[in-house]
Amino acid sequence: METITINTEYIRLQDLMKLANMVSSGGEAKQLIQDGQVSVNGEPCLQRGKKLRPGDEVSYGNRTCTPAYAS
């Protein structure tokens, strides 16, 4: 699992996907999320603006990542 460092309280799902290079654009993230191809904590998620915090796991394709606070 890949860890993505954030400097805020949370990060939105589509922004995490862009930061992790899971997608090349916000439009691509939006489409994948609306199509139900992205899972958060093992459940399909249709909310592109879902707030993610450390401990949440995002999966798409064969990649999984989680946000973590900068230390």
C-alpha atoms as a PDB file:
ATOM      1  CA  MET A   1       0.000   0.000   0.000  1.00  0.00           C
ATOM      2  CA  GLU A   2       1.216   3.458  -0.913  1.00  0.00           C
ATOM      3  CA  THR A   3       1.148   6.298   1.637  1.00  0.00           C
ATOM      4  CA  ILE A   4       0.303   9.802   0.422  1.00  0.00           C
ATOM      5  CA  THR A   5       1.379  12.648   2.713  1.00  0.00           C
ATOM      6  CA  ILE A   6      -1.154  15.413   3.347  1.00  0.00           C
ATOM      7  CA  ASN A   7      -0.712  18.710   5.191  1.00  0.00           C
ATOM      8  CA  THR A   8      -4.377  19.336   5.947  1.00  0.00           C
ATOM      9  CA  GLU A   9      -7.002  17.708   8.167  1.00  0.00           C
ATOM     10  CA  TYR A  10      -8.413  15.759   5.217  1.00  0.00           C
ATOM     11  CA  ILE A  11      -8.164  15.359   1.453  1.00  0.00           C
ATOM     12  CA  ARG A  12     -11.007  14.815  -0.975  1.00  0.00           C
ATOM     13  CA  LEU A  13     -11.160  11.526  -2.861  1.00  0.00           C
ATOM     14  CA  GLN A  14     -10.611  12.955  -6.337  1.00  0.00           C
ATOM     15  CA  ASP A  15      -7.677  15.055  -5.085  1.00  0.00           C
ATOM     16  CA  LEU A  16      -6.016  12.039  -3.465  1.00  0.00           C
ATOM     17  CA  MET A  17      -6.351  10.098  -6.699  1.00  0.00           C
ATOM     18  CA  LYS A  18      -4.650  12.929  -8.611  1.00  0.00           C
ATOM     19  CA  LEU A  19      -1.906  13.349  -5.981  1.00  0.00           C
ATOM     20  CA  ALA A  20      -1.211   9.603  -6.029  1.00  0.00           C
ATOM     21  CA  ASN A  21      -1.042   9.629  -9.855  1.00  0.00           C
ATOM     22  CA  MET A  22      -3.883   7.107 -10.036  1.00  0.00           C
ATOM     23  CA  VAL A  23      -5.463   9.389 -12.658  1.00  0.00           C
ATOM     24  CA  SER A  24      -4.177  12.115 -14.934  1.00  0.00           C
ATOM     25  CA  SER A  25      -7.016  14.608 -14.372  1.00  0.00           C
ATOM     26  CA  GLY A  26      -9.926  15.496 -12.140  1.00  0.00           C
ATOM     27  CA  GLY A  27     -12.285  14.647 -14.998  1.00  0.00           C
ATOM     28  CA  GLU A  28     -10.879  11.133 -15.200  1.00  0.00           C
ATOM     29  CA  ALA A  29     -11.238  10.729 -11.420  1.00  0.00           C
ATOM     30  CA  LYS A  30     -14.841  11.976 -11.575  1.00  0.00           C
ATOM     31  CA  GLN A  31     -15.761   9.455 -14.266  1.00  0.00           C
ATOM     32  CA  LEU A  32     -14.131   6.490 -12.501  1.00  0.00           C
ATOM     33  CA  ILE A  33     -15.779   7.388  -9.188  1.00  0.00           C
ATOM     34  CA  GLN A  34     -19.223   7.851 -10.778  1.00  0.00           C
ATOM     35  CA  ASP A  35     -18.805   4.490 -12.548  1.00  0.00           C
ATOM     36  CA  GLY A  36     -18.224   2.796  -9.159  1.00  0.00           C
ATOM     37  CA  GLN A  37     -14.676   1.696 -10.006  1.00  0.00           C
ATOM     38  CA  VAL A  38     -13.117   3.269  -6.887  1.00  0.00           C
ATOM     39  CA  SER A  39     -13.375   1.764  -3.401  1.00  0.00           C
ATOM     40  CA  VAL A  40     -12.879   3.469  -0.047  1.00  0.00           C
ATOM     41  CA  ASN A  41     -12.253   1.141   2.881  1.00  0.00           C
ATOM     42  CA  GLY A  42     -13.364  -1.834   0.793  1.00  0.00           C
ATOM     43  CA  GLU A  43     -16.710  -0.342  -0.274  1.00  0.00           C
ATOM     44  CA  PRO A  44     -17.495   1.219  -3.678  1.00  0.00           C
ATOM     45  CA  CYS A  45     -17.650   5.009  -3.305  1.00  0.00           C
ATOM     46  CA  LEU A  46     -19.621   7.299  -5.622  1.00  0.00           C
ATOM     47  CA  GLN A  47     -18.743  10.555  -3.806  1.00  0.00           C
ATOM     48  CA  ARG A  48     -15.814  12.288  -5.513  1.00  0.00           C
ATOM     49  CA  GLY A  49     -15.707  14.894  -2.726  1.00  0.00           C
ATOM     50  CA  LYS A  50     -15.599  12.307   0.071  1.00  0.00           C
ATOM     51  CA  LYS A  51     -13.311  13.527   2.841  1.00  0.00           C
ATOM     52  CA  LEU A  52     -10.477  11.101   3.530  1.00  0.00           C
ATOM     53  CA  ARG A  53      -8.337  11.056   6.636  1.00  0.00           C
ATOM     54  CA  PRO A  54      -5.364   8.930   7.709  1.00  0.00           C
ATOM     55  CA  GLY A  55      -6.472   5.316   8.052  1.00  0.00           C
ATOM     56  CA  ASP A  56      -8.811   5.445   5.051  1.00  0.00           C
ATOM     57  CA  GLU A  57      -7.800   3.194   2.140  1.00  0.00           C
ATOM     58  CA  VAL A  58      -8.531   4.035  -1.480  1.00  0.00           C
ATOM     59  CA  SER A  59      -8.371   1.294  -4.125  1.00  0.00           C
ATOM     60  CA  TYR A  60      -8.557   1.538  -7.888  1.00  0.00           C
ATOM     61  CA  GLY A  61      -7.361  -1.135 -10.272  1.00  0.00           C
ATOM     62  CA  ASN A  62      -4.371  -2.854  -8.694  1.00  0.00           C
ATOM     63  CA  ARG A  63      -3.353   0.143  -6.551  1.00  0.00           C
ATOM     64  CA  THR A  64      -4.214   0.993  -2.967  1.00  0.00           C
ATOM     65  CA  CYS A  65      -3.188   4.138  -1.138  1.00  0.00           C
ATOM     66  CA  THR A  66      -3.875   5.863   2.163  1.00  0.00           C
ATOM     67  CA  PRO A  67      -3.400   9.452   3.305  1.00  0.00           C
ATOM     68  CA  ALA A  68      -1.055  10.206   6.194  1.00  0.00           C
ATOM     69  CA  TYR A  69      -0.225  13.427   8.001  1.00  0.00           C
ATOM     70  CA  ALA A  70       3.200  14.933   7.413  1.00  0.00           C
ATOM     71  CA  SER A  71       5.426  14.371  10.436  1.00  0.00           C
END
